Amino acid sequence: MPSEMILYSTFENPVPEGALCGTVTAVDGVQLRFARWPVAGECRGTVCVFPGRTEKIEKYFETVRDLLRRGFAVAALDWRGQGGSQRLLRNPMKGHVRDFAEYQLDIDAFMQQAVTPELPGPYFALAHSMGATILLDHARRGGTLFERMFLIAPMLDISLVKHEATARRAARLLARLGFGKAYVPRGRRRLRELHFDGNRLTSDAARFARNLTITMEQPQLDVGPPTIGWIKAAYDVMETLADPATARKIRQPLLMVAAGQDSIVSTPTIEHLGTRLIAGAHMVIPGARHELLQERDIFREPLLAAFDAFIPGSPAPAESKAA
């Protein structure tokens, strides 16, 4: 059975009521933190929340409440190497994996040990950025755990890198030379955006401040820049997903939602994949930045409306209908 762990509240971000927090163990021995929220009474299924890189479960408390109001049970995971899950290197601030296939072990452990034994189906995936990429890779591999996937700003190409081809070659060369566990060049300087003005994540000052407070009050949940090995692994999986054959392999019903003003990942690359999927679709929310669930309501509400339209059995809450 998973052991007890802690979820952390802040004044503006209390833990949603009814939470159970614990750990599961992947087959390679890595300990992963999870949280789950059952629904009292009629339940429309379970939404599994998969965060992006550097994110933690606490960042999704508002989203958890949105889903609970819609009649879903909710479960959320901290990926290996971040949040409250086990760190993989001696320096806990290094964001590292050798291969994105390792994240598939996290999905399997989470679902088998924390979700399906305790929460009712059908099961739906809601994933952001790196998490959305991992879920796309899960679908490419033929995974059948989820009825549908709702993927927000999947990391299919990294817009932050100016000379991507050069960066890709350099990462692979340095990893082969044994530097996979080293920070990316200049990575020792924190790349986290500490100031709202000019940030690339969200145009919502209140949600930006709320998320920054989580980091400042619970720095042990944070993670720093990626390692060369993580970058190499990210390029490998993005290259695989860009292969034209990949779109034909993905038979999982899914909806990708991109942000029109995303400067973290490439919206055109998301659109390109979306036009080739057999069972999938895509949409773009104009004007929004990368973290759509942390955005202003003018962008966040269309995102939730898309969720309500795509995920079966999820009528919008009464207050949304009134609005």
C-alpha atoms as a PDB file:
ATOM      1  CA  MET A   1       0.000   0.000   0.000  1.00  0.00           C
ATOM      2  CA  PRO A   2       1.231   3.551  -0.667  1.00  0.00           C
ATOM      3  CA  SER A   3       2.722   5.281   2.344  1.00  0.00           C
ATOM      4  CA  GLU A   4       1.352   8.556   3.640  1.00  0.00           C
ATOM      5  CA  MET A   5       2.827  11.805   2.362  1.00  0.00           C
ATOM      6  CA  ILE A   6       1.937  15.484   2.569  1.00  0.00           C
ATOM      7  CA  LEU A   7       0.293  18.031   0.308  1.00  0.00           C
ATOM      8  CA  TYR A   8       1.203  21.645   1.056  1.00  0.00           C
ATOM      9  CA  SER A   9      -1.226  24.545   1.371  1.00  0.00           C
ATOM     10  CA  THR A  10      -0.653  28.243   1.056  1.00  0.00           C
ATOM     11  CA  PHE A  11      -3.107  30.974   2.020  1.00  0.00           C
ATOM     12  CA  GLU A  12      -4.223  31.450  -1.582  1.00  0.00           C
ATOM     13  CA  ASN A  13      -3.909  27.773  -2.511  1.00  0.00           C
ATOM     14  CA  PRO A  14      -5.421  25.447   0.118  1.00  0.00           C
ATOM     15  CA  VAL A  15      -5.494  21.696  -0.394  1.00  0.00           C
ATOM     16  CA  PRO A  16      -8.885  20.660  -1.829  1.00  0.00           C
ATOM     17  CA  GLU A  17     -10.956  18.758   0.716  1.00  0.00           C
ATOM     18  CA  GLY A  18     -10.944  14.965   0.706  1.00  0.00           C
ATOM     19  CA  ALA A  19      -7.367  14.497  -0.471  1.00  0.00           C
ATOM     20  CA  LEU A  20      -5.346  11.362   0.104  1.00  0.00           C
ATOM     21  CA  CYS A  21      -1.616  11.656  -0.578  1.00  0.00           C
ATOM     22  CA  GLY A  22       0.840   8.792  -0.788  1.00  0.00           C
ATOM     23  CA  THR A  23       3.600   7.109  -2.761  1.00  0.00           C
ATOM     24  CA  VAL A  24       3.790   4.355  -5.328  1.00  0.00           C
ATOM     25  CA  THR A  25       6.898   2.554  -6.555  1.00  0.00           C
ATOM     26  CA  ALA A  26       7.823   2.180 -10.210  1.00  0.00           C
ATOM     27  CA  VAL A  27       9.303  -1.125 -11.378  1.00  0.00           C
ATOM     28  CA  ASP A  28      12.791   0.388 -11.327  1.00  0.00           C
ATOM     29  CA  GLY A  29      12.385   1.318  -7.655  1.00  0.00           C
ATOM     30  CA  VAL A  30      11.700   5.065  -8.011  1.00  0.00           C
ATOM     31  CA  GLN A  31       9.256   6.418  -5.403  1.00  0.00           C
ATOM     32  CA  LEU A  32       6.516   8.667  -6.811  1.00  0.00           C
ATOM     33  CA  ARG A  33       4.176  10.998  -4.947  1.00  0.00           C
ATOM     34  CA  PHE A  34       0.513  10.983  -5.888  1.00  0.00           C
ATOM     35  CA  ALA A  35      -2.713  12.515  -4.620  1.00  0.00           C
ATOM     36  CA  ARG A  36      -6.312  11.491  -5.206  1.00  0.00           C
ATOM     37  CA  TRP A  37      -9.757  12.911  -4.517  1.00  0.00           C
ATOM     38  CA  PRO A  38     -12.805  10.610  -4.595  1.00  0.00           C
ATOM     39  CA  VAL A  39     -16.307  11.899  -5.314  1.00  0.00           C
ATOM     40  CA  ALA A  40     -19.153  11.402  -2.883  1.00  0.00           C
ATOM     41  CA  GLY A  41     -22.201  10.154  -4.740  1.00  0.00           C
ATOM     42  CA  GLU A  42     -22.508   9.784  -8.499  1.00  0.00           C
ATOM     43  CA  CYS A  43     -19.161   9.841 -10.280  1.00  0.00           C
ATOM     44  CA  ARG A  44     -18.587  10.378 -13.996  1.00  0.00           C
ATOM     45  CA  GLY A  45     -15.181   8.717 -13.981  1.00  0.00           C
ATOM     46  CA  THR A  46     -11.672   9.741 -12.993  1.00  0.00           C
ATOM     47  CA  VAL A  47      -9.476  12.456 -14.485  1.00  0.00           C
ATOM     48  CA  CYS A  48      -5.750  11.802 -14.080  1.00  0.00           C
ATOM     49  CA  VAL A  49      -3.658  14.978 -14.000  1.00  0.00           C
ATOM     50  CA  PHE A  50      -0.119  14.873 -15.392  1.00  0.00           C
ATOM     51  CA  PRO A  51       1.889  18.106 -14.874  1.00  0.00           C
ATOM     52  CA  GLY A  52       4.632  19.609 -16.998  1.00  0.00           C
ATOM     53  CA  ARG A  53       8.344  19.832 -16.279  1.00  0.00           C
ATOM     54  CA  THR A  54       9.214  21.521 -12.938  1.00  0.00           C
ATOM     55  CA  GLU A  55       5.549  21.454 -11.867  1.00  0.00           C
ATOM     56  CA  LYS A  56       4.083  19.869  -8.767  1.00  0.00           C
ATOM     57  CA  ILE A  57       0.659  18.612  -7.694  1.00  0.00           C
ATOM     58  CA  GLU A  58       0.068  21.758  -5.604  1.00  0.00           C
ATOM     59  CA  LYS A  59       0.031  23.889  -8.751  1.00  0.00           C
ATOM     60  CA  TYR A  60      -3.134  22.087  -9.894  1.00  0.00           C
ATOM     61  CA  PHE A  61      -5.333  22.514  -6.810  1.00  0.00           C
ATOM     62  CA  GLU A  62      -7.573  24.996  -8.640  1.00  0.00           C
ATOM     63  CA  THR A  63      -7.938  22.563 -11.531  1.00  0.00           C
ATOM     64  CA  VAL A  64      -8.711  19.734  -9.100  1.00  0.00           C
ATOM     65  CA  ARG A  65     -11.626  21.795  -7.745  1.00  0.00           C
ATOM     66  CA  ASP A  66     -12.853  22.468 -11.284  1.00  0.00           C
ATOM     67  CA  LEU A  67     -12.894  18.738 -12.001  1.00  0.00           C
ATOM     68  CA  LEU A  68     -14.532  17.775  -8.713  1.00  0.00           C
ATOM     69  CA  ARG A  69     -17.340  20.267  -9.407  1.00  0.00           C
ATOM     70  CA  ARG A  70     -17.893  18.484 -12.701  1.00  0.00           C
ATOM     71  CA  GLY A  71     -18.489  15.202 -10.914  1.00  0.00           C
ATOM     72  CA  PHE A  72     -15.120  13.581 -11.589  1.00  0.00           C
ATOM     73  CA  ALA A  73     -12.820  11.863  -9.157  1.00  0.00           C
ATOM     74  CA  VAL A  74      -9.281  13.194  -9.582  1.00  0.00           C
ATOM     75  CA  ALA A  75      -5.813  11.720  -9.260  1.00  0.00           C
ATOM     76  CA  ALA A  76      -2.557  13.624  -9.799  1.00  0.00           C
ATOM     77  CA  LEU A  77       1.070  12.533 -10.125  1.00  0.00           C
ATOM     78  CA  ASP A  78       4.472  14.072  -9.527  1.00  0.00           C
ATOM     79  CA  TRP A  79       6.818  12.775 -12.224  1.00  0.00           C
ATOM     80  CA  ARG A  80      10.101  11.241 -11.126  1.00  0.00           C
ATOM     81  CA  GLY A  81      12.733  13.858 -10.370  1.00  0.00           C
ATOM     82  CA  GLN A  82      10.350  16.665  -9.440  1.00  0.00           C
ATOM     83  CA  GLY A  83       7.689  17.750  -6.960  1.00  0.00           C
ATOM     84  CA  GLY A  84       7.441  15.360  -4.030  1.00  0.00           C
ATOM     85  CA  SER A  85       8.748  12.362  -5.976  1.00  0.00           C
ATOM     86  CA  GLN A  86      12.195  10.826  -5.654  1.00  0.00           C
ATOM     87  CA  ARG A  87      15.048  12.791  -7.202  1.00  0.00           C
ATOM     88  CA  LEU A  88      17.371  10.884  -9.513  1.00  0.00           C
ATOM     89  CA  LEU A  89      20.723  12.592  -8.918  1.00  0.00           C
ATOM     90  CA  ARG A  90      22.764  13.594  -5.885  1.00  0.00           C
ATOM     91  CA  ASN A  91      21.908  17.224  -6.607  1.00  0.00           C
ATOM     92  CA  PRO A  92      18.088  17.232  -6.177  1.00  0.00           C
ATOM     93  CA  MET A  93      17.714  20.427  -8.198  1.00  0.00           C
ATOM     94  CA  LYS A  94      18.866  18.823 -11.444  1.00  0.00           C
ATOM     95  CA  GLY A  95      15.997  17.880 -13.732  1.00  0.00           C
ATOM     96  CA  HIS A  96      17.132  14.581 -15.212  1.00  0.00           C
ATOM     97  CA  VAL A  97      16.096  11.407 -17.000  1.00  0.00           C
ATOM     98  CA  ARG A  98      18.140   9.263 -19.365  1.00  0.00           C
ATOM     99  CA  ASP A  99      15.193   8.370 -21.586  1.00  0.00           C
ATOM    100  CA  PHE A 100      11.577   9.550 -21.717  1.00  0.00           C
ATOM    101  CA  ALA A 101      10.587   5.864 -21.650  1.00  0.00           C
ATOM    102  CA  GLU A 102      11.292   6.069 -17.898  1.00  0.00           C
ATOM    103  CA  TYR A 103       8.207   8.257 -17.526  1.00  0.00           C
ATOM    104  CA  GLN A 104       6.100   5.407 -18.899  1.00  0.00           C
ATOM    105  CA  LEU A 105       7.063   3.462 -15.771  1.00  0.00           C
ATOM    106  CA  ASP A 106       5.611   6.328 -13.722  1.00  0.00           C
ATOM    107  CA  ILE A 107       2.283   6.142 -15.557  1.00  0.00           C
ATOM    108  CA  ASP A 108       2.077   2.379 -15.056  1.00  0.00           C
ATOM    109  CA  ALA A 109       2.860   2.540 -11.321  1.00  0.00           C
ATOM    110  CA  PHE A 110       0.473   5.448 -10.748  1.00  0.00           C
ATOM    111  CA  MET A 111      -2.438   3.819 -12.541  1.00  0.00           C
ATOM    112  CA  GLN A 112      -1.904   0.275 -11.240  1.00  0.00           C
ATOM    113  CA  GLN A 113      -1.194   1.126  -7.610  1.00  0.00           C
ATOM    114  CA  ALA A 114      -2.999   4.410  -6.891  1.00  0.00           C
ATOM    115  CA  VAL A 115      -5.808   4.909  -9.400  1.00  0.00           C
ATOM    116  CA  THR A 116      -7.563   1.824 -10.760  1.00  0.00           C
ATOM    117  CA  PRO A 117      -7.791  -0.022  -7.408  1.00  0.00           C
ATOM    118  CA  GLU A 118      -9.408   2.978  -5.694  1.00  0.00           C
ATOM    119  CA  LEU A 119     -11.162   5.251  -8.194  1.00  0.00           C
ATOM    120  CA  PRO A 120     -13.858   4.388 -10.737  1.00  0.00           C
ATOM    121  CA  GLY A 121     -13.532   4.428 -14.499  1.00  0.00           C
ATOM    122  CA  PRO A 122     -13.697   5.468 -17.176  1.00  0.00           C
ATOM    123  CA  TYR A 123     -10.272   7.081 -16.925  1.00  0.00           C
ATOM    124  CA  PHE A 124      -9.314  10.288 -18.702  1.00  0.00           C
ATOM    125  CA  ALA A 125      -5.910  11.971 -18.952  1.00  0.00           C
ATOM    126  CA  LEU A 126      -5.397  15.725 -18.558  1.00  0.00           C
ATOM    127  CA  ALA A 127      -1.773  16.623 -19.204  1.00  0.00           C
ATOM    128  CA  HIS A 128       0.283  19.765 -19.732  1.00  0.00           C
ATOM    129  CA  SER A 129       3.457  20.472 -21.740  1.00  0.00           C
ATOM    130  CA  MET A 130       6.053  17.769 -20.947  1.00  0.00           C
ATOM    131  CA  GLY A 131       3.264  15.689 -19.398  1.00  0.00           C
ATOM    132  CA  ALA A 132       1.261  15.941 -22.625  1.00  0.00           C
ATOM    133  CA  THR A 133       4.294  14.767 -24.599  1.00  0.00           C
ATOM    134  CA  ILE A 134       4.683  11.753 -22.314  1.00  0.00           C
ATOM    135  CA  LEU A 135       0.989  10.912 -22.784  1.00  0.00           C
ATOM    136  CA  LEU A 136       1.328  11.217 -26.565  1.00  0.00           C
ATOM    137  CA  ASP A 137       4.256   8.811 -26.378  1.00  0.00           C
ATOM    138  CA  HIS A 138       2.085   6.510 -24.257  1.00  0.00           C
ATOM    139  CA  ALA A 139      -0.536   6.531 -27.017  1.00  0.00           C
ATOM    140  CA  ARG A 140       2.137   5.937 -29.672  1.00  0.00           C
ATOM    141  CA  ARG A 141       3.241   2.854 -27.753  1.00  0.00           C
ATOM    142  CA  GLY A 142      -0.287   1.484 -27.891  1.00  0.00           C
ATOM    143  CA  GLY A 143      -1.331   2.328 -24.337  1.00  0.00           C
ATOM    144  CA  THR A 144      -5.009   1.728 -23.607  1.00  0.00           C
ATOM    145  CA  LEU A 145      -5.331   3.043 -20.046  1.00  0.00           C
ATOM    146  CA  PHE A 146      -7.375   6.131 -20.935  1.00  0.00           C
ATOM    147  CA  GLU A 147     -10.731   6.580 -22.626  1.00  0.00           C
ATOM    148  CA  ARG A 148      -9.677  10.018 -23.895  1.00  0.00           C
ATOM    149  CA  MET A 149      -6.741  12.400 -23.500  1.00  0.00           C
ATOM    150  CA  PHE A 150      -6.949  16.185 -23.122  1.00  0.00           C
ATOM    151  CA  LEU A 151      -3.459  17.496 -23.878  1.00  0.00           C
ATOM    152  CA  ILE A 152      -2.543  21.117 -23.212  1.00  0.00           C
ATOM    153  CA  ALA A 153       0.390  22.736 -25.038  1.00  0.00           C
ATOM    154  CA  PRO A 154       2.282  19.477 -25.661  1.00  0.00           C
ATOM    155  CA  MET A 155       6.037  19.866 -25.890  1.00  0.00           C
ATOM    156  CA  LEU A 156       6.583  18.795 -29.502  1.00  0.00           C
ATOM    157  CA  ASP A 157       9.208  21.436 -30.251  1.00  0.00           C
ATOM    158  CA  ILE A 158      10.990  23.829 -27.890  1.00  0.00           C
ATOM    159  CA  SER A 159      10.617  27.466 -28.916  1.00  0.00           C
ATOM    160  CA  LEU A 160      13.094  28.671 -26.268  1.00  0.00           C
ATOM    161  CA  VAL A 161      16.022  27.260 -28.272  1.00  0.00           C
ATOM    162  CA  LYS A 162      17.174  29.576 -31.060  1.00  0.00           C
ATOM    163  CA  HIS A 163      19.430  27.126 -32.929  1.00  0.00           C
ATOM    164  CA  GLU A 164      17.618  23.857 -32.369  1.00  0.00           C
ATOM    165  CA  ALA A 165      19.554  21.689 -34.815  1.00  0.00           C
ATOM    166  CA  THR A 166      22.834  22.748 -33.221  1.00  0.00           C
ATOM    167  CA  ALA A 167      21.448  22.228 -29.709  1.00  0.00           C
ATOM    168  CA  ARG A 168      20.157  18.780 -30.641  1.00  0.00           C
ATOM    169  CA  ARG A 169      23.542  17.667 -32.023  1.00  0.00           C
ATOM    170  CA  ALA A 170      25.412  19.143 -29.069  1.00  0.00           C
ATOM    171  CA  ALA A 171      23.175  17.428 -26.513  1.00  0.00           C
ATOM    172  CA  ARG A 172      23.637  14.042 -28.143  1.00  0.00           C
ATOM    173  CA  LEU A 173      27.387  14.467 -28.467  1.00  0.00           C
ATOM    174  CA  LEU A 174      27.848  15.629 -24.873  1.00  0.00           C
ATOM    175  CA  ALA A 175      25.654  12.796 -23.575  1.00  0.00           C
ATOM    176  CA  ARG A 176      27.782  10.251 -25.449  1.00  0.00           C
ATOM    177  CA  LEU A 177      30.903  11.831 -23.950  1.00  0.00           C
ATOM    178  CA  GLY A 178      29.582  11.236 -20.443  1.00  0.00           C
ATOM    179  CA  PHE A 179      28.187  14.677 -19.590  1.00  0.00           C
ATOM    180  CA  GLY A 180      24.535  13.572 -19.428  1.00  0.00           C
ATOM    181  CA  LYS A 181      24.195  14.417 -15.722  1.00  0.00           C
ATOM    182  CA  ALA A 182      25.656  17.907 -16.092  1.00  0.00           C
ATOM    183  CA  TYR A 183      23.457  20.988 -16.272  1.00  0.00           C
ATOM    184  CA  VAL A 184      22.849  22.399 -19.702  1.00  0.00           C
ATOM    185  CA  PRO A 185      25.405  25.142 -20.422  1.00  0.00           C
ATOM    186  CA  ARG A 186      24.765  28.145 -18.142  1.00  0.00           C
ATOM    187  CA  GLY A 187      22.130  25.961 -16.453  1.00  0.00           C
ATOM    188  CA  ARG A 188      23.395  26.712 -12.948  1.00  0.00           C
ATOM    189  CA  ARG A 189      21.621  30.055 -13.150  1.00  0.00           C
ATOM    190  CA  ARG A 190      17.995  29.530 -12.274  1.00  0.00           C
ATOM    191  CA  LEU A 191      15.816  29.849 -15.351  1.00  0.00           C
ATOM    192  CA  ARG A 192      12.622  30.104 -13.316  1.00  0.00           C
ATOM    193  CA  GLU A 193      10.871  33.381 -13.994  1.00  0.00           C
ATOM    194  CA  LEU A 194      10.590  35.188 -10.659  1.00  0.00           C
ATOM    195  CA  HIS A 195       8.995  38.377 -11.956  1.00  0.00           C
ATOM    196  CA  PHE A 196       5.581  38.688 -13.528  1.00  0.00           C
ATOM    197  CA  ASP A 197       6.534  41.432 -15.969  1.00  0.00           C
ATOM    198  CA  GLY A 198       7.881  39.819 -19.110  1.00  0.00           C
ATOM    199  CA  ASN A 199       7.204  36.252 -18.004  1.00  0.00           C
ATOM    200  CA  ARG A 200       6.371  33.751 -20.748  1.00  0.00           C
ATOM    201  CA  LEU A 201       4.024  31.534 -18.753  1.00  0.00           C
ATOM    202  CA  THR A 202       0.820  33.432 -17.999  1.00  0.00           C
ATOM    203  CA  SER A 203      -0.789  36.863 -18.285  1.00  0.00           C
ATOM    204  CA  ASP A 204      -2.626  36.349 -14.964  1.00  0.00           C
ATOM    205  CA  ALA A 205      -0.753  38.200 -12.214  1.00  0.00           C
ATOM    206  CA  ALA A 206      -2.707  36.619  -9.352  1.00  0.00           C
ATOM    207  CA  ARG A 207      -2.185  33.036 -10.507  1.00  0.00           C
ATOM    208  CA  PHE A 208       1.476  33.782 -11.251  1.00  0.00           C
ATOM    209  CA  ALA A 209       1.935  35.082  -7.689  1.00  0.00           C
ATOM    210  CA  ARG A 210       0.065  32.108  -6.241  1.00  0.00           C
ATOM    211  CA  ASN A 211       2.340  29.643  -8.012  1.00  0.00           C
ATOM    212  CA  LEU A 212       5.474  31.556  -7.069  1.00  0.00           C
ATOM    213  CA  THR A 213       4.388  31.477  -3.415  1.00  0.00           C
ATOM    214  CA  ILE A 214       4.192  27.679  -3.546  1.00  0.00           C
ATOM    215  CA  THR A 215       7.789  27.581  -4.745  1.00  0.00           C
ATOM    216  CA  MET A 216       9.031  30.093  -2.196  1.00  0.00           C
ATOM    217  CA  GLU A 217       7.293  28.422   0.771  1.00  0.00           C
ATOM    218  CA  GLN A 218       8.128  24.842  -0.257  1.00  0.00           C
ATOM    219  CA  PRO A 219      11.411  25.022  -2.182  1.00  0.00           C
ATOM    220  CA  GLN A 220      11.988  21.270  -1.770  1.00  0.00           C
ATOM    221  CA  LEU A 221       9.226  20.716  -4.340  1.00  0.00           C
ATOM    222  CA  ASP A 222      11.040  22.790  -6.928  1.00  0.00           C
ATOM    223  CA  VAL A 223      13.473  21.619  -9.582  1.00  0.00           C
ATOM    224  CA  GLY A 224      16.065  23.580 -11.498  1.00  0.00           C
ATOM    225  CA  PRO A 225      17.231  23.587 -15.115  1.00  0.00           C
ATOM    226  CA  PRO A 226      17.435  20.307 -17.021  1.00  0.00           C
ATOM    227  CA  THR A 227      20.542  18.227 -17.503  1.00  0.00           C
ATOM    228  CA  ILE A 228      22.132  17.564 -20.857  1.00  0.00           C
ATOM    229  CA  GLY A 229      20.737  14.026 -20.580  1.00  0.00           C
ATOM    230  CA  TRP A 230      17.192  15.326 -20.125  1.00  0.00           C
ATOM    231  CA  ILE A 231      17.554  17.623 -23.134  1.00  0.00           C
ATOM    232  CA  LYS A 232      18.900  14.763 -25.236  1.00  0.00           C
ATOM    233  CA  ALA A 233      16.006  12.525 -24.132  1.00  0.00           C
ATOM    234  CA  ALA A 234      13.504  15.300 -24.903  1.00  0.00           C
ATOM    235  CA  TYR A 235      14.876  15.771 -28.409  1.00  0.00           C
ATOM    236  CA  ASP A 236      14.726  12.005 -28.968  1.00  0.00           C
ATOM    237  CA  VAL A 237      11.048  11.729 -28.050  1.00  0.00           C
ATOM    238  CA  MET A 238      10.101  14.903 -29.953  1.00  0.00           C
ATOM    239  CA  GLU A 239      11.849  13.530 -33.035  1.00  0.00           C
ATOM    240  CA  THR A 240       9.937  10.263 -32.693  1.00  0.00           C
ATOM    241  CA  LEU A 241       6.617  12.090 -32.388  1.00  0.00           C
ATOM    242  CA  ALA A 242       7.476  14.190 -35.458  1.00  0.00           C
ATOM    243  CA  ASP A 243       7.918  11.067 -37.602  1.00  0.00           C
ATOM    244  CA  PRO A 244       4.991  10.896 -40.082  1.00  0.00           C
ATOM    245  CA  ALA A 245       4.518   7.236 -39.145  1.00  0.00           C
ATOM    246  CA  THR A 246       3.752   8.227 -35.547  1.00  0.00           C
ATOM    247  CA  ALA A 247       0.473   9.937 -36.413  1.00  0.00           C
ATOM    248  CA  ARG A 248      -0.743   6.737 -38.045  1.00  0.00           C
ATOM    249  CA  LYS A 249       0.131   4.701 -34.938  1.00  0.00           C
ATOM    250  CA  ILE A 250      -1.844   6.884 -32.526  1.00  0.00           C
ATOM    251  CA  ARG A 251      -5.420   5.572 -32.386  1.00  0.00           C
ATOM    252  CA  GLN A 252      -6.174   7.119 -28.986  1.00  0.00           C
ATOM    253  CA  PRO A 253      -9.005   9.694 -29.037  1.00  0.00           C
ATOM    254  CA  LEU A 254      -7.360  12.939 -27.948  1.00  0.00           C
ATOM    255  CA  LEU A 255      -7.631  16.697 -28.173  1.00  0.00           C
ATOM    256  CA  MET A 256      -4.561  18.928 -28.175  1.00  0.00           C
ATOM    257  CA  VAL A 257      -5.100  22.547 -27.119  1.00  0.00           C
ATOM    258  CA  ALA A 258      -2.376  25.034 -28.005  1.00  0.00           C
ATOM    259  CA  ALA A 259      -1.764  28.598 -26.834  1.00  0.00           C
ATOM    260  CA  GLY A 260      -1.695  31.270 -29.517  1.00  0.00           C
ATOM    261  CA  GLN A 261       1.094  33.276 -27.845  1.00  0.00           C
ATOM    262  CA  ASP A 262       3.176  30.333 -26.629  1.00  0.00           C
ATOM    263  CA  SER A 263       6.900  31.137 -26.556  1.00  0.00           C
ATOM    264  CA  ILE A 264       7.871  27.955 -24.665  1.00  0.00           C
ATOM    265  CA  VAL A 265       6.725  25.266 -27.103  1.00  0.00           C
ATOM    266  CA  SER A 266       5.842  25.512 -30.786  1.00  0.00           C
ATOM    267  CA  THR A 267       2.151  25.984 -31.542  1.00  0.00           C
ATOM    268  CA  PRO A 268       2.642  25.429 -35.325  1.00  0.00           C
ATOM    269  CA  THR A 269       4.197  22.030 -34.576  1.00  0.00           C
ATOM    270  CA  ILE A 270       1.148  21.093 -32.478  1.00  0.00           C
ATOM    271  CA  GLU A 271      -1.132  22.189 -35.309  1.00  0.00           C
ATOM    272  CA  HIS A 272       0.879  20.168 -37.824  1.00  0.00           C
ATOM    273  CA  LEU A 273       0.560  16.962 -35.804  1.00  0.00           C
ATOM    274  CA  GLY A 274      -3.109  17.675 -35.131  1.00  0.00           C
ATOM    275  CA  THR A 275      -3.932  17.719 -38.842  1.00  0.00           C
ATOM    276  CA  ARG A 276      -2.443  14.235 -39.292  1.00  0.00           C
ATOM    277  CA  LEU A 277      -3.967  12.363 -36.348  1.00  0.00           C
ATOM    278  CA  ILE A 278      -6.516   9.660 -37.135  1.00  0.00           C
ATOM    279  CA  ALA A 279      -8.496   9.847 -33.882  1.00  0.00           C
ATOM    280  CA  GLY A 280      -7.295  13.207 -32.611  1.00  0.00           C
ATOM    281  CA  ALA A 281      -7.936  16.877 -33.116  1.00  0.00           C
ATOM    282  CA  HIS A 282      -6.432  20.193 -32.095  1.00  0.00           C
ATOM    283  CA  MET A 283      -7.474  23.755 -31.365  1.00  0.00           C
ATOM    284  CA  VAL A 284      -5.682  27.012 -30.599  1.00  0.00           C
ATOM    285  CA  ILE A 285      -6.734  29.597 -28.007  1.00  0.00           C
ATOM    286  CA  PRO A 286      -5.599  32.944 -29.486  1.00  0.00           C
ATOM    287  CA  GLY A 287      -3.656  35.292 -27.242  1.00  0.00           C
ATOM    288  CA  ALA A 288      -2.958  32.783 -24.470  1.00  0.00           C
ATOM    289  CA  ARG A 289       0.469  31.965 -23.087  1.00  0.00           C
ATOM    290  CA  HIS A 290       1.946  28.547 -22.368  1.00  0.00           C
ATOM    291  CA  GLU A 291       0.319  27.688 -19.035  1.00  0.00           C
ATOM    292  CA  LEU A 292      -3.296  27.706 -20.127  1.00  0.00           C
ATOM    293  CA  LEU A 293      -4.647  26.348 -16.837  1.00  0.00           C
ATOM    294  CA  GLN A 294      -2.832  29.178 -15.027  1.00  0.00           C
ATOM    295  CA  GLU A 295      -4.031  31.865 -17.447  1.00  0.00           C
ATOM    296  CA  ARG A 296      -6.622  34.617 -17.087  1.00  0.00           C
ATOM    297  CA  ASP A 297     -10.236  33.505 -17.162  1.00  0.00           C
ATOM    298  CA  ILE A 298     -10.701  34.964 -20.646  1.00  0.00           C
ATOM    299  CA  PHE A 299      -8.378  32.189 -21.854  1.00  0.00           C
ATOM    300  CA  ARG A 300      -8.997  29.592 -19.182  1.00  0.00           C
ATOM    301  CA  GLU A 301     -12.760  29.424 -19.657  1.00  0.00           C
ATOM    302  CA  PRO A 302     -12.550  28.463 -23.366  1.00  0.00           C
ATOM    303  CA  LEU A 303     -10.054  25.779 -22.333  1.00  0.00           C
ATOM    304  CA  LEU A 304     -12.484  24.334 -19.785  1.00  0.00           C
ATOM    305  CA  ALA A 305     -15.316  24.606 -22.305  1.00  0.00           C
ATOM    306  CA  ALA A 306     -13.250  22.512 -24.712  1.00  0.00           C
ATOM    307  CA  PHE A 307     -12.726  19.969 -21.936  1.00  0.00           C
ATOM    308  CA  ASP A 308     -16.474  19.854 -21.269  1.00  0.00           C
ATOM    309  CA  ALA A 309     -17.199  19.294 -24.954  1.00  0.00           C
ATOM    310  CA  PHE A 310     -14.548  16.607 -25.442  1.00  0.00           C
ATOM    311  CA  ILE A 311     -14.657  14.549 -22.254  1.00  0.00           C
ATOM    312  CA  PRO A 312     -17.897  12.529 -22.101  1.00  0.00           C
ATOM    313  CA  GLY A 313     -20.150  13.068 -19.155  1.00  0.00           C
ATOM    314  CA  SER A 314     -18.703  16.385 -18.025  1.00  0.00           C
ATOM    315  CA  PRO A 315     -21.409  19.048 -18.084  1.00  0.00           C
ATOM    316  CA  ALA A 316     -20.191  22.500 -17.130  1.00  0.00           C
ATOM    317  CA  PRO A 317     -20.916  23.575 -13.548  1.00  0.00           C
ATOM    318  CA  ALA A 318     -24.075  25.602 -12.992  1.00  0.00           C
ATOM    319  CA  GLU A 319     -22.135  28.821 -12.436  1.00  0.00           C
ATOM    320  CA  SER A 320     -20.394  28.436 -15.812  1.00  0.00           C
ATOM    321  CA  LYS A 321     -23.734  27.900 -17.562  1.00  0.00           C
ATOM    322  CA  ALA A 322     -25.106  31.005 -15.915  1.00  0.00           C
ATOM    323  CA  ALA A 323     -22.093  33.020 -17.021  1.00  0.00           C
END
